[in-house]
């Protein structure tokens, strides 16, 4: 369970073990400006768990999947409604209980079209087992697949195996939760 916010930038950077300046830069890139805590106002910006997750996800897209900042912003904007509906954001109120159960093994395949825009498909891994009786290392994976809104029929067939990257969104969320829990347990600085 995710800790309740709000969190200061110092707390969150400590939870995720990143430099404070790096966290502040990412938050400026992925969140709208905070009217109260402007750069020279002397006020500290506080982050809700949803805001912290959005910055964390943006940082993951940049650091691990090697997207540019504008691409990561576009991906987050394109996935935001679906992520909320499926309980990926920490503070989601109307979540289907089945979606929460499925979140553990959830992947988002990010396809980049020829024009540079993105479309997405979700995969929920149902089971993975070794294929016994073969001489090679083969596994059998069973999954449910869904193209997310915005993908056309042409997209589904034309770009299926071209330029794509897999976002292990279930793992990203578990990593986020673990970092917040560990940060709280270790008595991270309180602002």
N, C-alpha and C. Protein backbone atom coordinates (compact mmCIF):
# COMPACT_ATOMS: atom_id res chain seq x y z
N UNK A 1 0.84 -1.19 0.00
CA UNK A 1 0.00 0.00 0.00
C UNK A 1 0.88 1.24 0.00
N UNK A 2 0.55 2.19 -0.82
CA UNK A 2 1.34 3.40 -0.95
C UNK A 2 1.08 4.33 0.23
N UNK A 3 2.16 4.94 0.73
CA UNK A 3 2.05 5.90 1.80
C UNK A 3 1.27 7.11 1.31
N UNK A 4 0.54 7.73 2.23
CA UNK A 4 -0.20 8.95 1.90
C UNK A 4 0.77 10.11 1.79
N UNK A 5 0.49 11.01 0.87
CA UNK A 5 1.31 12.20 0.72
C UNK A 5 0.74 13.29 1.59
N UNK A 6 1.07 14.49 1.39
CA UNK A 6 2.02 14.94 0.38
C UNK A 6 3.46 14.75 0.83
N UNK A 7 4.34 14.69 -0.17
CA UNK A 7 5.76 14.52 0.07
C UNK A 7 6.50 15.73 -0.46
N UNK A 8 7.53 16.14 0.22
CA UNK A 8 8.38 17.23 -0.30
C UNK A 8 9.32 16.63 -1.35
N UNK A 9 9.93 17.50 -2.14
CA UNK A 9 10.89 17.04 -3.15
C UNK A 9 12.06 16.34 -2.48
N UNK A 10 12.49 16.84 -1.33
CA UNK A 10 13.61 16.23 -0.61
C UNK A 10 13.24 14.80 -0.17
N UNK A 11 12.03 14.62 0.34
CA UNK A 11 11.60 13.28 0.76
C UNK A 11 11.58 12.32 -0.43
N UNK A 12 10.93 12.76 -1.50
CA UNK A 12 10.77 11.87 -2.66
C UNK A 12 12.12 11.54 -3.28
N UNK A 13 13.01 12.50 -3.39
CA UNK A 13 14.33 12.21 -3.96
C UNK A 13 15.08 11.23 -3.07
N UNK A 14 14.88 11.33 -1.77
CA UNK A 14 15.50 10.39 -0.84
C UNK A 14 14.89 8.99 -1.01
N UNK A 15 13.57 8.91 -1.13
CA UNK A 15 12.90 7.62 -1.31
C UNK A 15 13.44 6.89 -2.53
N UNK A 16 13.63 7.63 -3.63
CA UNK A 16 14.03 7.02 -4.90
C UNK A 16 15.54 7.06 -5.12
N UNK A 17 16.27 7.57 -4.15
CA UNK A 17 17.73 7.63 -4.19
C UNK A 17 18.25 8.32 -5.45
N UNK A 18 17.67 9.48 -5.73
CA UNK A 18 18.16 10.32 -6.82
C UNK A 18 18.53 11.68 -6.24
N UNK A 19 19.38 12.40 -6.94
CA UNK A 19 19.76 13.72 -6.47
C UNK A 19 18.54 14.64 -6.46
N UNK A 20 18.50 15.51 -5.47
CA UNK A 20 17.39 16.44 -5.34
C UNK A 20 17.23 17.29 -6.60
N UNK A 21 18.32 17.78 -7.15
CA UNK A 21 18.25 18.60 -8.36
C UNK A 21 17.67 17.81 -9.54
N UNK A 22 18.00 16.52 -9.62
CA UNK A 22 17.46 15.67 -10.68
C UNK A 22 15.96 15.51 -10.52
N UNK A 23 15.51 15.24 -9.30
CA UNK A 23 14.07 15.08 -9.05
C UNK A 23 13.32 16.37 -9.39
N UNK A 24 13.88 17.50 -8.99
CA UNK A 24 13.22 18.78 -9.28
C UNK A 24 13.13 19.02 -10.78
N UNK A 25 14.18 18.68 -11.51
CA UNK A 25 14.16 18.85 -12.97
C UNK A 25 13.09 17.97 -13.59
N UNK A 26 13.05 16.69 -13.18
CA UNK A 26 12.02 15.79 -13.72
C UNK A 26 10.63 16.30 -13.39
N UNK A 27 10.44 16.79 -12.18
CA UNK A 27 9.10 17.26 -11.81
C UNK A 27 8.70 18.47 -12.66
N UNK A 28 9.65 19.34 -12.99
CA UNK A 28 9.33 20.47 -13.87
C UNK A 28 8.97 19.99 -15.27
N UNK A 29 9.58 18.88 -15.70
CA UNK A 29 9.32 18.36 -17.04
C UNK A 29 7.96 17.66 -17.15
N UNK A 30 7.54 16.97 -16.08
CA UNK A 30 6.36 16.11 -16.20
C UNK A 30 5.11 16.60 -15.48
N UNK A 31 5.23 17.64 -14.69
CA UNK A 31 4.06 18.16 -13.97
C UNK A 31 3.83 19.61 -14.36
N UNK A 32 2.57 20.04 -14.29
CA UNK A 32 2.31 21.46 -14.56
C UNK A 32 2.94 22.31 -13.45
N UNK A 33 3.18 23.58 -13.73
CA UNK A 33 3.77 24.44 -12.70
C UNK A 33 2.90 24.51 -11.44
N UNK A 34 3.54 24.61 -10.31
CA UNK A 34 2.85 24.77 -9.03
C UNK A 34 2.74 26.27 -8.77
N UNK A 35 1.52 26.77 -8.68
CA UNK A 35 1.32 28.22 -8.51
C UNK A 35 1.91 28.73 -7.21
N UNK A 36 1.87 27.91 -6.16
CA UNK A 36 2.37 28.36 -4.85
C UNK A 36 3.88 28.25 -4.76
N UNK A 37 4.45 27.17 -5.26
CA UNK A 37 5.87 26.90 -5.08
C UNK A 37 6.64 27.17 -6.36
N UNK A 38 6.70 28.42 -6.74
CA UNK A 38 7.48 28.78 -7.93
C UNK A 38 8.96 28.78 -7.57
N UNK A 39 9.80 28.86 -8.58
CA UNK A 39 11.25 28.74 -8.37
C UNK A 39 11.78 29.70 -7.32
N UNK A 40 11.34 30.93 -7.31
CA UNK A 40 11.91 31.91 -6.39
C UNK A 40 10.93 32.34 -5.29
N UNK A 41 9.91 31.56 -5.06
CA UNK A 41 8.91 31.94 -4.07
C UNK A 41 9.31 31.62 -2.63
N UNK A 42 10.26 30.71 -2.48
CA UNK A 42 10.64 30.29 -1.12
C UNK A 42 9.74 29.20 -0.57
N UNK A 43 8.74 28.81 -1.33
CA UNK A 43 7.82 27.75 -0.91
C UNK A 43 8.30 26.40 -1.43
N UNK A 44 8.05 25.36 -0.66
CA UNK A 44 8.41 24.00 -1.06
C UNK A 44 7.25 23.39 -1.83
N UNK A 45 7.56 22.73 -2.92
CA UNK A 45 6.52 22.01 -3.66
C UNK A 45 6.29 20.67 -2.98
N UNK A 46 5.03 20.31 -2.82
CA UNK A 46 4.67 19.01 -2.27
C UNK A 46 4.01 18.19 -3.36
N UNK A 47 4.26 16.87 -3.30
CA UNK A 47 3.78 15.95 -4.32
C UNK A 47 2.80 14.97 -3.72
N UNK A 48 1.66 14.79 -4.37
CA UNK A 48 0.74 13.72 -4.00
C UNK A 48 1.36 12.42 -4.50
N UNK A 49 0.89 11.26 -4.02
CA UNK A 49 1.40 10.00 -4.58
C UNK A 49 1.22 9.90 -6.09
N UNK A 50 0.09 10.42 -6.62
CA UNK A 50 -0.11 10.39 -8.08
C UNK A 50 0.92 11.24 -8.81
N UNK A 51 1.21 12.42 -8.30
CA UNK A 51 2.21 13.28 -8.93
C UNK A 51 3.59 12.63 -8.85
N UNK A 52 3.92 12.08 -7.71
CA UNK A 52 5.22 11.42 -7.56
C UNK A 52 5.33 10.25 -8.53
N UNK A 53 4.23 9.49 -8.70
CA UNK A 53 4.26 8.36 -9.62
C UNK A 53 4.44 8.84 -11.06
N UNK A 54 3.79 9.92 -11.43
CA UNK A 54 3.89 10.42 -12.79
C UNK A 54 5.33 10.84 -13.11
N UNK A 55 5.99 11.49 -12.17
CA UNK A 55 7.39 11.88 -12.37
C UNK A 55 8.27 10.63 -12.41
N UNK A 56 8.00 9.66 -11.53
CA UNK A 56 8.75 8.41 -11.48
C UNK A 56 8.62 7.66 -12.81
N UNK A 57 7.41 7.60 -13.35
CA UNK A 57 7.17 6.93 -14.63
C UNK A 57 7.92 7.65 -15.76
N UNK A 58 7.87 8.98 -15.77
CA UNK A 58 8.60 9.74 -16.77
C UNK A 58 10.09 9.47 -16.70
N UNK A 59 10.62 9.42 -15.48
CA UNK A 59 12.04 9.14 -15.29
C UNK A 59 12.38 7.73 -15.79
N UNK A 60 11.48 6.78 -15.57
CA UNK A 60 11.70 5.41 -16.05
C UNK A 60 11.73 5.38 -17.59
N UNK A 61 10.80 6.09 -18.21
CA UNK A 61 10.75 6.12 -19.68
C UNK A 61 12.04 6.71 -20.26
N UNK A 62 12.59 7.69 -19.60
CA UNK A 62 13.82 8.33 -20.07
C UNK A 62 15.04 7.46 -19.76
N UNK A 63 15.15 7.03 -18.51
CA UNK A 63 16.37 6.35 -18.06
C UNK A 63 16.50 4.92 -18.57
N UNK A 64 15.40 4.18 -18.59
CA UNK A 64 15.48 2.76 -18.92
C UNK A 64 15.02 2.44 -20.35
N UNK A 65 14.00 3.13 -20.81
CA UNK A 65 13.52 2.84 -22.16
C UNK A 65 14.09 3.81 -23.20
N UNK A 66 14.86 4.78 -22.76
CA UNK A 66 15.61 5.68 -23.62
C UNK A 66 14.75 6.55 -24.54
N UNK A 67 13.62 7.01 -24.02
CA UNK A 67 12.84 7.98 -24.76
C UNK A 67 13.35 9.38 -24.42
N UNK A 68 13.10 10.32 -25.31
CA UNK A 68 13.45 11.71 -25.02
C UNK A 68 12.38 12.28 -24.08
N UNK A 69 12.64 13.43 -23.51
CA UNK A 69 11.67 14.05 -22.60
C UNK A 69 10.36 14.35 -23.33
N UNK A 70 10.36 14.96 -24.52
CA UNK A 70 9.08 15.19 -25.21
C UNK A 70 8.34 13.89 -25.52
N UNK A 71 9.08 12.84 -25.90
CA UNK A 71 8.42 11.55 -26.17
C UNK A 71 7.82 10.98 -24.89
N UNK A 72 8.55 11.05 -23.78
CA UNK A 72 8.04 10.54 -22.51
C UNK A 72 6.78 11.30 -22.09
N UNK A 73 6.77 12.62 -22.29
CA UNK A 73 5.57 13.42 -21.97
C UNK A 73 4.39 12.97 -22.81
N UNK A 74 4.62 12.74 -24.10
CA UNK A 74 3.56 12.31 -25.00
C UNK A 74 3.03 10.93 -24.59
N UNK A 75 3.91 10.04 -24.21
CA UNK A 75 3.51 8.69 -23.80
C UNK A 75 2.67 8.75 -22.53
N UNK A 76 3.11 9.53 -21.55
CA UNK A 76 2.34 9.66 -20.30
C UNK A 76 0.97 10.24 -20.59
N UNK A 77 0.91 11.28 -21.42
CA UNK A 77 -0.39 11.88 -21.77
C UNK A 77 -1.29 10.87 -22.47
N UNK A 78 -0.70 10.06 -23.36
CA UNK A 78 -1.49 9.06 -24.09
C UNK A 78 -1.99 7.92 -23.22
N UNK A 79 -1.26 7.61 -22.16
CA UNK A 79 -1.62 6.47 -21.31
C UNK A 79 -2.36 6.85 -20.03
N UNK A 80 -2.41 8.14 -19.69
CA UNK A 80 -2.90 8.56 -18.37
C UNK A 80 -4.29 8.02 -18.03
N UNK A 81 -5.25 8.17 -18.92
CA UNK A 81 -6.62 7.71 -18.64
C UNK A 81 -6.64 6.20 -18.44
N UNK A 82 -5.95 5.47 -19.29
CA UNK A 82 -5.92 4.01 -19.17
C UNK A 82 -5.22 3.58 -17.87
N UNK A 83 -4.13 4.25 -17.51
CA UNK A 83 -3.42 3.92 -16.27
C UNK A 83 -4.31 4.14 -15.05
N UNK A 84 -5.06 5.23 -15.05
CA UNK A 84 -5.98 5.49 -13.92
C UNK A 84 -7.07 4.43 -13.86
N UNK A 85 -7.64 4.11 -15.00
CA UNK A 85 -8.73 3.13 -15.06
C UNK A 85 -8.27 1.76 -14.58
N UNK A 86 -7.02 1.43 -14.80
CA UNK A 86 -6.50 0.12 -14.44
C UNK A 86 -5.76 0.09 -13.11
N UNK A 87 -5.90 1.15 -12.32
CA UNK A 87 -5.37 1.15 -10.97
C UNK A 87 -3.87 1.29 -10.86
N UNK A 88 -3.23 1.80 -11.90
CA UNK A 88 -1.78 1.95 -11.86
C UNK A 88 -1.40 3.18 -11.04
N UNK A 89 -2.16 4.25 -11.17
CA UNK A 89 -1.90 5.43 -10.33
C UNK A 89 -2.25 5.08 -8.89
N UNK A 90 -1.44 5.50 -7.92
CA UNK A 90 -1.64 5.12 -6.53
C UNK A 90 -2.99 5.54 -5.94
N UNK A 91 -3.46 6.73 -6.28
CA UNK A 91 -4.71 7.24 -5.71
C UNK A 91 -5.82 7.16 -6.75
N UNK A 92 -6.25 5.97 -7.06
CA UNK A 92 -7.30 5.77 -8.04
C UNK A 92 -8.54 5.30 -7.32
N UNK A 93 -9.65 6.01 -7.50
CA UNK A 93 -10.84 5.69 -6.73
C UNK A 93 -11.73 4.64 -7.39
N UNK A 94 -11.99 4.76 -8.68
CA UNK A 94 -12.91 3.82 -9.31
C UNK A 94 -12.16 2.75 -10.08
N UNK A 95 -11.54 1.84 -9.35
CA UNK A 95 -10.75 0.78 -9.96
C UNK A 95 -11.52 -0.53 -9.87
N UNK A 96 -11.54 -1.22 -10.97
CA UNK A 96 -12.12 -2.55 -11.03
C UNK A 96 -11.22 -3.50 -10.22
N UNK A 97 -11.76 -4.27 -9.26
CA UNK A 97 -10.93 -5.19 -8.47
C UNK A 97 -10.13 -6.17 -9.33
N UNK A 98 -10.69 -6.57 -10.47
CA UNK A 98 -9.99 -7.47 -11.38
C UNK A 98 -8.75 -6.78 -11.95
N UNK A 99 -8.86 -5.47 -12.21
CA UNK A 99 -7.71 -4.72 -12.74
C UNK A 99 -6.57 -4.70 -11.73
N UNK A 100 -6.88 -4.57 -10.46
CA UNK A 100 -5.84 -4.57 -9.43
C UNK A 100 -5.12 -5.92 -9.38
N UNK A 101 -5.86 -7.00 -9.52
CA UNK A 101 -5.25 -8.32 -9.51
C UNK A 101 -4.34 -8.51 -10.72
N UNK A 102 -4.77 -8.02 -11.85
CA UNK A 102 -4.01 -8.18 -13.09
C UNK A 102 -2.79 -7.29 -13.17
N UNK A 103 -2.75 -6.23 -12.34
CA UNK A 103 -1.68 -5.24 -12.43
C UNK A 103 -0.29 -5.86 -12.27
N UNK A 104 -0.17 -6.91 -11.49
CA UNK A 104 1.14 -7.52 -11.23
C UNK A 104 1.87 -7.92 -12.51
N UNK A 105 1.17 -8.46 -13.47
CA UNK A 105 1.79 -8.98 -14.69
C UNK A 105 1.43 -8.15 -15.92
N UNK A 106 1.27 -6.86 -15.73
CA UNK A 106 0.81 -6.00 -16.82
C UNK A 106 1.97 -5.34 -17.54
N UNK A 107 1.90 -5.37 -18.86
CA UNK A 107 2.88 -4.72 -19.72
C UNK A 107 2.16 -3.78 -20.67
N UNK A 108 2.84 -2.73 -21.08
CA UNK A 108 2.33 -1.85 -22.13
C UNK A 108 3.38 -1.87 -23.23
N UNK A 109 2.96 -2.25 -24.41
CA UNK A 109 3.85 -2.24 -25.57
C UNK A 109 3.64 -0.89 -26.25
N UNK A 110 4.72 -0.12 -26.35
CA UNK A 110 4.66 1.22 -26.92
C UNK A 110 5.18 1.13 -28.35
N UNK A 111 4.30 1.37 -29.30
CA UNK A 111 4.66 1.32 -30.72
C UNK A 111 4.84 2.75 -31.22
N UNK A 112 5.93 2.99 -31.91
CA UNK A 112 6.14 4.30 -32.52
C UNK A 112 5.87 4.18 -34.01
N UNK A 113 4.92 4.98 -34.49
CA UNK A 113 4.54 4.95 -35.90
C UNK A 113 5.57 5.70 -36.74
N UNK A 114 5.44 5.57 -38.04
CA UNK A 114 6.35 6.24 -38.97
C UNK A 114 6.34 7.76 -38.81
N UNK A 115 5.19 8.32 -38.43
CA UNK A 115 5.09 9.77 -38.28
C UNK A 115 5.58 10.26 -36.91
N UNK A 116 6.09 9.34 -36.07
CA UNK A 116 6.64 9.71 -34.78
C UNK A 116 5.66 9.67 -33.63
N UNK A 117 4.37 9.50 -33.92
CA UNK A 117 3.38 9.39 -32.85
C UNK A 117 3.37 7.97 -32.29
N UNK A 118 2.63 7.78 -31.21
CA UNK A 118 2.64 6.50 -30.52
C UNK A 118 1.25 5.89 -30.47
N UNK A 119 1.20 4.57 -30.43
CA UNK A 119 -0.01 3.84 -30.08
C UNK A 119 0.41 2.72 -29.15
N UNK A 120 -0.55 2.17 -28.42
CA UNK A 120 -0.21 1.29 -27.31
C UNK A 120 -1.09 0.05 -27.30
N UNK A 121 -0.49 -1.04 -26.84
CA UNK A 121 -1.27 -2.24 -26.56
C UNK A 121 -0.90 -2.72 -25.17
N UNK A 122 -1.88 -3.24 -24.47
CA UNK A 122 -1.59 -3.78 -23.14
C UNK A 122 -1.56 -5.29 -23.23
N UNK A 123 -0.69 -5.87 -22.41
CA UNK A 123 -0.60 -7.33 -22.33
C UNK A 123 -0.64 -7.71 -20.87
N UNK A 124 -1.53 -8.60 -20.56
CA UNK A 124 -1.58 -9.16 -19.22
C UNK A 124 -1.11 -10.61 -19.33
N UNK A 125 0.01 -10.91 -18.70
CA UNK A 125 0.55 -12.26 -18.77
C UNK A 125 -0.27 -13.16 -17.86
N UNK A 126 -0.90 -14.16 -18.44
CA UNK A 126 -1.74 -15.09 -17.69
C UNK A 126 -0.90 -16.22 -17.10
N UNK A 127 0.01 -16.78 -17.91
CA UNK A 127 0.87 -17.85 -17.40
C UNK A 127 2.15 -17.94 -18.22
N UNK A 128 3.19 -18.40 -17.56
CA UNK A 128 4.47 -18.65 -18.21
C UNK A 128 4.96 -20.00 -17.70
N UNK A 129 5.29 -20.90 -18.63
CA UNK A 129 5.79 -22.20 -18.21
C UNK A 129 6.82 -22.71 -19.21
N UNK A 130 7.76 -23.50 -18.72
CA UNK A 130 8.74 -24.08 -19.65
C UNK A 130 8.05 -25.10 -20.55
N UNK A 131 8.47 -25.17 -21.77
CA UNK A 131 7.91 -26.13 -22.71
C UNK A 131 8.71 -27.42 -22.58
N UNK A 132 8.20 -28.32 -21.80
CA UNK A 132 8.89 -29.58 -21.48
C UNK A 132 8.95 -30.47 -22.71
N UNK A 133 10.08 -31.19 -22.84
CA UNK A 133 10.22 -32.13 -23.93
C UNK A 133 11.02 -31.59 -25.10
N UNK A 134 11.37 -30.36 -25.07
CA UNK A 134 12.17 -29.77 -26.15
C UNK A 134 13.64 -29.77 -25.74
N UNK A 135 14.48 -29.76 -26.72
CA UNK A 135 15.92 -29.74 -26.43
C UNK A 135 16.43 -28.31 -26.29
N UNK A 136 15.68 -27.32 -26.76
CA UNK A 136 16.10 -25.92 -26.64
C UNK A 136 15.39 -25.27 -25.46
N UNK A 137 15.89 -24.14 -25.05
CA UNK A 137 15.27 -23.41 -23.96
C UNK A 137 14.09 -22.61 -24.49
N UNK A 138 12.91 -23.18 -24.40
CA UNK A 138 11.70 -22.55 -24.91
C UNK A 138 10.72 -22.41 -23.75
N UNK A 139 10.08 -21.25 -23.67
CA UNK A 139 9.01 -21.09 -22.69
C UNK A 139 7.72 -20.79 -23.43
N UNK A 140 6.64 -21.13 -22.80
CA UNK A 140 5.32 -20.86 -23.37
C UNK A 140 4.68 -19.77 -22.53
N UNK A 141 4.25 -18.69 -23.19
CA UNK A 141 3.66 -17.56 -22.50
C UNK A 141 2.24 -17.37 -23.02
N UNK A 142 1.29 -17.30 -22.12
CA UNK A 142 -0.10 -17.06 -22.48
C UNK A 142 -0.46 -15.68 -21.94
N UNK A 143 -1.03 -14.84 -22.79
CA UNK A 143 -1.38 -13.49 -22.36
C UNK A 143 -2.67 -13.02 -23.01
N UNK A 144 -3.28 -12.02 -22.37
CA UNK A 144 -4.43 -11.32 -22.94
C UNK A 144 -3.91 -10.02 -23.51
N UNK A 145 -4.39 -9.65 -24.68
CA UNK A 145 -3.90 -8.46 -25.36
C UNK A 145 -5.06 -7.53 -25.65
N UNK A 146 -4.81 -6.22 -25.51
CA UNK A 146 -5.83 -5.21 -25.81
C UNK A 146 -5.13 -4.00 -26.42
N UNK A 147 -5.61 -3.54 -27.58
CA UNK A 147 -5.10 -2.30 -28.14
C UNK A 147 -5.81 -1.16 -27.44
N UNK A 148 -5.07 -0.16 -27.03
CA UNK A 148 -5.64 0.94 -26.28
C UNK A 148 -6.25 1.96 -27.23
N UNK A 149 -7.21 2.74 -26.71
CA UNK A 149 -7.86 3.74 -27.58
C UNK A 149 -6.84 4.62 -28.29
N UNK A 150 -7.15 4.90 -29.54
CA UNK A 150 -6.25 5.71 -30.35
C UNK A 150 -5.54 4.88 -31.41
N UNK A 151 -5.48 3.57 -31.23
CA UNK A 151 -4.84 2.71 -32.22
C UNK A 151 -5.88 2.36 -33.29
N UNK A 152 -5.49 2.46 -34.55
CA UNK A 152 -6.39 2.13 -35.64
C UNK A 152 -6.15 0.68 -36.06
N UNK A 153 -7.05 0.14 -36.84
CA UNK A 153 -6.89 -1.22 -37.35
C UNK A 153 -5.61 -1.32 -38.17
N UNK A 154 -5.33 -0.28 -38.94
CA UNK A 154 -4.09 -0.26 -39.72
C UNK A 154 -2.87 -0.34 -38.79
N UNK A 155 -2.91 0.41 -37.69
CA UNK A 155 -1.80 0.36 -36.73
C UNK A 155 -1.59 -1.05 -36.22
N UNK A 156 -2.69 -1.73 -35.92
CA UNK A 156 -2.61 -3.05 -35.31
C UNK A 156 -1.88 -4.05 -36.20
N UNK A 157 -1.99 -3.91 -37.49
CA UNK A 157 -1.37 -4.89 -38.38
C UNK A 157 -0.07 -4.39 -39.00
N UNK A 158 -0.01 -3.11 -39.32
CA UNK A 158 1.14 -2.59 -40.04
C UNK A 158 2.37 -2.43 -39.16
N UNK A 159 2.19 -2.01 -37.90
CA UNK A 159 3.35 -1.73 -37.07
C UNK A 159 3.59 -2.78 -36.00
N UNK A 160 2.92 -3.88 -36.12
CA UNK A 160 2.94 -4.92 -35.08
C UNK A 160 4.34 -5.28 -34.59
N UNK A 161 5.27 -5.50 -35.48
CA UNK A 161 6.59 -5.96 -35.06
C UNK A 161 7.70 -5.01 -35.51
N UNK A 162 7.38 -3.75 -35.62
CA UNK A 162 8.41 -2.81 -36.04
C UNK A 162 9.01 -2.12 -34.82
N UNK A 163 8.91 -0.82 -34.73
CA UNK A 163 9.57 -0.04 -33.69
C UNK A 163 8.72 -0.03 -32.41
N UNK A 164 9.10 -0.86 -31.44
CA UNK A 164 8.34 -0.89 -30.20
C UNK A 164 9.26 -1.14 -29.01
N UNK A 165 8.79 -0.75 -27.83
CA UNK A 165 9.48 -1.01 -26.57
C UNK A 165 8.43 -1.44 -25.56
N UNK A 166 8.85 -2.28 -24.63
CA UNK A 166 7.91 -2.84 -23.65
C UNK A 166 8.11 -2.16 -22.30
N UNK A 167 7.04 -1.56 -21.81
CA UNK A 167 7.02 -0.94 -20.49
C UNK A 167 6.39 -1.93 -19.53
N UNK A 168 7.17 -2.45 -18.61
CA UNK A 168 6.68 -3.40 -17.60
C UNK A 168 6.01 -2.58 -16.50
N UNK A 169 4.79 -2.11 -16.77
CA UNK A 169 4.14 -1.14 -15.89
C UNK A 169 3.83 -1.73 -14.51
N UNK A 170 3.53 -3.02 -14.44
CA UNK A 170 3.30 -3.65 -13.14
C UNK A 170 4.56 -3.61 -12.29
N UNK A 171 5.71 -3.87 -12.90
CA UNK A 171 6.98 -3.83 -12.17
C UNK A 171 7.34 -2.40 -11.78
N UNK A 172 7.06 -1.44 -12.65
CA UNK A 172 7.35 -0.04 -12.32
C UNK A 172 6.53 0.38 -11.10
N UNK A 173 5.25 0.00 -11.08
CA UNK A 173 4.40 0.37 -9.94
C UNK A 173 4.88 -0.31 -8.65
N UNK A 174 5.25 -1.59 -8.72
CA UNK A 174 5.75 -2.28 -7.52
C UNK A 174 7.05 -1.65 -7.03
N UNK A 175 7.91 -1.26 -7.95
CA UNK A 175 9.16 -0.59 -7.59
C UNK A 175 8.88 0.75 -6.92
N UNK A 176 7.91 1.48 -7.42
CA UNK A 176 7.50 2.76 -6.84
C UNK A 176 7.00 2.54 -5.41
N UNK A 177 6.11 1.58 -5.25
CA UNK A 177 5.55 1.29 -3.92
C UNK A 177 6.65 0.89 -2.93
N UNK A 178 7.55 0.03 -3.39
CA UNK A 178 8.64 -0.44 -2.53
C UNK A 178 9.55 0.72 -2.10
N UNK A 179 9.85 1.62 -3.02
CA UNK A 179 10.72 2.75 -2.70
C UNK A 179 10.06 3.66 -1.66
N UNK A 180 8.76 3.90 -1.81
CA UNK A 180 8.06 4.73 -0.81
C UNK A 180 8.04 4.04 0.55
N UNK A 181 7.76 2.75 0.56
CA UNK A 181 7.73 2.01 1.82
C UNK A 181 9.09 1.98 2.49
N UNK A 182 10.13 1.69 1.72
CA UNK A 182 11.49 1.64 2.28
C UNK A 182 11.94 3.00 2.77
N UNK A 183 11.59 4.04 2.02
CA UNK A 183 11.94 5.40 2.42
C UNK A 183 11.29 5.76 3.74
N UNK A 184 10.04 5.38 3.91
CA UNK A 184 9.33 5.64 5.16
C UNK A 184 9.93 4.83 6.30
N UNK A 185 10.26 3.56 6.02
CA UNK A 185 10.81 2.69 7.07
C UNK A 185 12.17 3.17 7.53
N UNK A 186 12.95 3.75 6.63
CA UNK A 186 14.30 4.17 6.98
C UNK A 186 14.33 5.60 7.51
N UNK A 187 13.17 6.20 7.71
CA UNK A 187 13.12 7.53 8.28
C UNK A 187 13.74 8.59 7.40
N UNK A 188 13.30 8.63 6.15
CA UNK A 188 13.81 9.64 5.22
C UNK A 188 13.55 11.04 5.78
N UNK A 189 14.39 12.00 5.44
CA UNK A 189 14.21 13.36 5.95
C UNK A 189 12.82 13.90 5.67
N UNK A 190 12.27 14.62 6.58
CA UNK A 190 10.90 15.14 6.47
C UNK A 190 10.87 16.57 5.97
N UNK A 191 11.41 16.82 4.78
CA UNK A 191 11.31 18.15 4.18
C UNK A 191 12.38 18.99 4.63
